[in-house]
C-alpha atoms as a PDB file:
ATOM      1  CA  UNK A   1      46.668 106.190  38.702  1.00  0.00           C
ATOM      2  CA  UNK A   2      45.552 103.109  36.824  1.00  0.00           C
ATOM      3  CA  UNK A   3      45.765 102.700  33.039  1.00  0.00           C
ATOM      4  CA  UNK A   4      41.962 102.538  33.029  1.00  0.00           C
ATOM      5  CA  UNK A   5      41.738 105.916  34.752  1.00  0.00           C
ATOM      6  CA  UNK A   6      44.290 107.520  32.423  1.00  0.00           C
ATOM      7  CA  UNK A   7      42.438 106.180  29.351  1.00  0.00           C
ATOM      8  CA  UNK A   8      39.201 107.566  30.781  1.00  0.00           C
ATOM      9  CA  UNK A   9      40.721 110.998  31.348  1.00  0.00           C
ATOM     10  CA  UNK A  10      42.059 110.973  27.775  1.00  0.00           C
ATOM     11  CA  UNK A  11      38.599 110.152  26.368  1.00  0.00           C
ATOM     12  CA  UNK A  12      36.984 112.883  28.482  1.00  0.00           C
ATOM     13  CA  UNK A  13      39.545 115.401  27.258  1.00  0.00           C
ATOM     14  CA  UNK A  14      38.738 114.436  23.649  1.00  0.00           C
ATOM     15  CA  UNK A  15      35.010 114.883  24.271  1.00  0.00           C
ATOM     16  CA  UNK A  16      35.069 117.939  26.514  1.00  0.00           C
ATOM     17  CA  UNK A  17      38.471 119.536  26.117  1.00  0.00           C
ATOM     18  CA  UNK A  18      39.072 118.931  29.817  1.00  0.00           C
ATOM     19  CA  UNK A  19      38.325 116.250  32.386  1.00  0.00           C
ATOM     20  CA  UNK A  20      35.004 116.627  34.175  1.00  0.00           C
ATOM     21  CA  UNK A  21      36.703 117.698  37.388  1.00  0.00           C
ATOM     22  CA  UNK A  22      33.780 119.762  38.643  1.00  0.00           C
ATOM     23  CA  UNK A  23      31.547 116.691  38.479  1.00  0.00           C
ATOM     24  CA  UNK A  24      34.026 114.202  39.884  1.00  0.00           C
ATOM     25  CA  UNK A  25      35.359 116.566  42.566  1.00  0.00           C
ATOM     26  CA  UNK A  26      31.914 116.944  44.119  1.00  0.00           C
ATOM     27  CA  UNK A  27      31.509 113.169  44.209  1.00  0.00           C
ATOM     28  CA  UNK A  28      35.109 112.619  45.344  1.00  0.00           C
ATOM     29  CA  UNK A  29      34.497 114.645  48.504  1.00  0.00           C
ATOM     30  CA  UNK A  30      32.143 111.999  49.830  1.00  0.00           C
ATOM     31  CA  UNK A  31      32.905 108.921  47.713  1.00  0.00           C
ATOM     32  CA  UNK A  32      36.413 109.032  46.183  1.00  0.00           C
ATOM     33  CA  UNK A  33      36.286 105.437  44.967  1.00  0.00           C
ATOM     34  CA  UNK A  34      33.013 106.101  43.164  1.00  0.00           C
ATOM     35  CA  UNK A  35      34.453 109.244  41.539  1.00  0.00           C
ATOM     36  CA  UNK A  36      37.385 107.174  40.261  1.00  0.00           C
ATOM     37  CA  UNK A  37      35.038 104.469  38.977  1.00  0.00           C
ATOM     38  CA  UNK A  38      32.976 107.037  37.038  1.00  0.00           C
ATOM     39  CA  UNK A  39      36.102 107.725  34.987  1.00  0.00           C
ATOM     40  CA  UNK A  40      37.540 104.198  34.813  1.00  0.00           C
ATOM     41  CA  UNK A  41      34.547 102.068  33.892  1.00  0.00           C
ATOM     42  CA  UNK A  42      32.503 104.104  31.410  1.00  0.00           C
ATOM     43  CA  UNK A  43      35.343 106.006  29.759  1.00  0.00           C
ATOM     44  CA  UNK A  44      38.491 103.996  30.470  1.00  0.00           C
ATOM     45  CA  UNK A  45      36.890 100.621  29.747  1.00  0.00           C
ATOM     46  CA  UNK A  46      33.864 101.103  27.468  1.00  0.00           C
ATOM     47  CA  UNK A  47      34.343 104.362  25.556  1.00  0.00           C
ATOM     48  CA  UNK A  48      37.934 103.370  24.735  1.00  0.00           C
ATOM     49  CA  UNK A  49      36.905 100.185  22.895  1.00  0.00           C
ATOM     50  CA  UNK A  50      37.399 100.138  19.124  1.00  0.00           C
ATOM     51  CA  UNK A  51      34.102  98.585  17.957  1.00  0.00           C
ATOM     52  CA  UNK A  52      32.173 101.894  17.977  1.00  0.00           C
ATOM     53  CA  UNK A  53      33.374 105.460  17.502  1.00  0.00           C
ATOM     54  CA  UNK A  54      32.849 108.188  20.090  1.00  0.00           C
ATOM     55  CA  UNK A  55      30.057 109.717  18.007  1.00  0.00           C
ATOM     56  CA  UNK A  56      28.088 106.464  18.031  1.00  0.00           C
ATOM     57  CA  UNK A  57      28.677 106.019  21.752  1.00  0.00           C
ATOM     58  CA  UNK A  58      27.427 109.539  22.439  1.00  0.00           C
ATOM     59  CA  UNK A  59      24.276 108.948  20.364  1.00  0.00           C
ATOM     60  CA  UNK A  60      23.591 105.883  22.508  1.00  0.00           C
ATOM     61  CA  UNK A  61      24.289 107.849  25.707  1.00  0.00           C
ATOM     62  CA  UNK A  62      22.011 110.731  24.687  1.00  0.00           C
ATOM     63  CA  UNK A  63      19.201 108.323  23.814  1.00  0.00           C
ATOM     64  CA  UNK A  64      19.482 106.329  27.026  1.00  0.00           C
ATOM     65  CA  UNK A  65      19.815 109.359  29.302  1.00  0.00           C
ATOM     66  CA  UNK A  66      16.835 111.063  27.676  1.00  0.00           C
ATOM     67  CA  UNK A  67      14.773 107.892  28.052  1.00  0.00           C
ATOM     68  CA  UNK A  68      15.496 107.552  31.776  1.00  0.00           C
ATOM     69  CA  UNK A  69      15.167 111.283  32.475  1.00  0.00           C
ATOM     70  CA  UNK A  70      18.755 111.812  33.664  1.00  0.00           C
ATOM     71  CA  UNK A  71      18.848 115.432  32.573  1.00  0.00           C
ATOM     72  CA  UNK A  72      22.073 116.672  34.243  1.00  0.00           C
ATOM     73  CA  UNK A  73      23.990 113.813  32.631  1.00  0.00           C
ATOM     74  CA  UNK A  74      22.072 114.291  29.372  1.00  0.00           C
ATOM     75  CA  UNK A  75      23.304 117.878  29.170  1.00  0.00           C
ATOM     76  CA  UNK A  76      26.900 116.722  29.579  1.00  0.00           C
ATOM     77  CA  UNK A  77      26.466 114.127  26.846  1.00  0.00           C
ATOM     78  CA  UNK A  78      24.699 116.545  24.476  1.00  0.00           C
ATOM     79  CA  UNK A  79      27.835 118.686  24.655  1.00  0.00           C
ATOM     80  CA  UNK A  80      30.048 115.616  24.219  1.00  0.00           C
ATOM     81  CA  UNK A  81      27.979 114.498  21.219  1.00  0.00           C
ATOM     82  CA  UNK A  82      28.516 117.905  19.639  1.00  0.00           C
ATOM     83  CA  UNK A  83      32.267 117.538  20.207  1.00  0.00           C
ATOM     84  CA  UNK A  84      32.123 114.065  18.658  1.00  0.00           C
ATOM     85  CA  UNK A  85      30.526 115.444  15.478  1.00  0.00           C
ATOM     86  CA  UNK A  86      26.770 115.269  16.013  1.00  0.00           C
ATOM     87  CA  UNK A  87      24.895 118.214  14.596  1.00  0.00           C
ATOM     88  CA  UNK A  88      22.193 120.144  16.390  1.00  0.00           C
ATOM     89  CA  UNK A  89      19.651 118.767  13.930  1.00  0.00           C
ATOM     90  CA  UNK A  90      20.743 115.166  14.514  1.00  0.00           C
ATOM     91  CA  UNK A  91      20.485 115.563  18.284  1.00  0.00           C
ATOM     92  CA  UNK A  92      16.992 117.011  18.008  1.00  0.00           C
ATOM     93  CA  UNK A  93      15.980 114.070  15.794  1.00  0.00           C
ATOM     94  CA  UNK A  94      17.524 111.621  18.280  1.00  0.00           C
ATOM     95  CA  UNK A  95      15.540 113.180  21.122  1.00  0.00           C
ATOM     96  CA  UNK A  96      12.375 113.062  19.013  1.00  0.00           C
ATOM     97  CA  UNK A  97      13.080 109.368  18.304  1.00  0.00           C
ATOM     98  CA  UNK A  98      13.096 108.773  22.062  1.00  0.00           C
ATOM     99  CA  UNK A  99       9.373 109.572  22.048  1.00  0.00           C
ATOM    100  CA  UNK A 100       8.648 106.333  20.196  1.00  0.00           C
ATOM    101  CA  UNK A 101      10.308 104.095  22.755  1.00  0.00           C
ATOM    102  CA  UNK A 102      10.229 106.067  26.015  1.00  0.00           C
ATOM    103  CA  UNK A 103       7.159 108.250  25.458  1.00  0.00           C
ATOM    104  CA  UNK A 104       6.422 111.844  24.599  1.00  0.00           C
ATOM    105  CA  UNK A 105       6.969 113.129  28.151  1.00  0.00           C
ATOM    106  CA  UNK A 106      10.540 111.747  28.201  1.00  0.00           C
ATOM    107  CA  UNK A 107      11.335 113.302  24.820  1.00  0.00           C
ATOM    108  CA  UNK A 108       9.691 116.644  25.611  1.00  0.00           C
ATOM    109  CA  UNK A 109      11.415 116.848  28.994  1.00  0.00           C
ATOM    110  CA  UNK A 110      14.782 116.031  27.412  1.00  0.00           C
ATOM    111  CA  UNK A 111      14.298 118.713  24.765  1.00  0.00           C
ATOM    112  CA  UNK A 112      13.290 121.214  27.433  1.00  0.00           C
ATOM    113  CA  UNK A 113      16.251 120.295  29.656  1.00  0.00           C
ATOM    114  CA  UNK A 114      18.671 120.877  26.760  1.00  0.00           C
ATOM    115  CA  UNK A 115      16.875 123.757  25.064  1.00  0.00           C
ATOM    116  CA  UNK A 116      19.683 126.246  25.645  1.00  0.00           C
ATOM    117  CA  UNK A 117      22.301 123.814  24.336  1.00  0.00           C
ATOM    118  CA  UNK A 118      20.371 123.008  21.193  1.00  0.00           C
ATOM    119  CA  UNK A 119      18.999 126.478  20.458  1.00  0.00           C
ATOM    120  CA  UNK A 120      22.187 128.497  20.640  1.00  0.00           C
ATOM    121  CA  UNK A 121      25.152 126.328  19.709  1.00  0.00           C
ATOM    122  CA  UNK A 122      26.512 126.511  16.173  1.00  0.00           C
ATOM    123  CA  UNK A 123      26.479 123.404  14.028  1.00  0.00           C
ATOM    124  CA  UNK A 124      29.270 120.905  14.665  1.00  0.00           C
ATOM    125  CA  UNK A 125      31.697 119.751  12.012  1.00  0.00           C
ATOM    126  CA  UNK A 126      31.533 116.062  11.222  1.00  0.00           C
ATOM    127  CA  UNK A 127      34.163 114.024  13.077  1.00  0.00           C
ATOM    128  CA  UNK A 128      35.076 110.331  13.234  1.00  0.00           C
END
């Protein structure tokens, strides 16, 4: 395994408590190189950089995924943002902010897609 992959797995464990094996295993069945790249590039290369903390990176991910309507990935990153220290209230505000730049439908759909995650989870403790 490459250093990039190992760094990516380490970042995922920090954000999720475990690597996202269920996601990557499904992809690996048909495209093993792509599954590896989904760990190496975003997490091993970008998330591991020092210029921004994991919390900031997750805020950016949540915003972008909500804006493009990538709801399965948004759900994963809502959970990661909580692990990185974002509160429920902050995440709701971030998704509301999306309405300014991506439109009300994108923000409303993102809130609906993550309703269960934002309605029932306890508040996160501040990290990083």
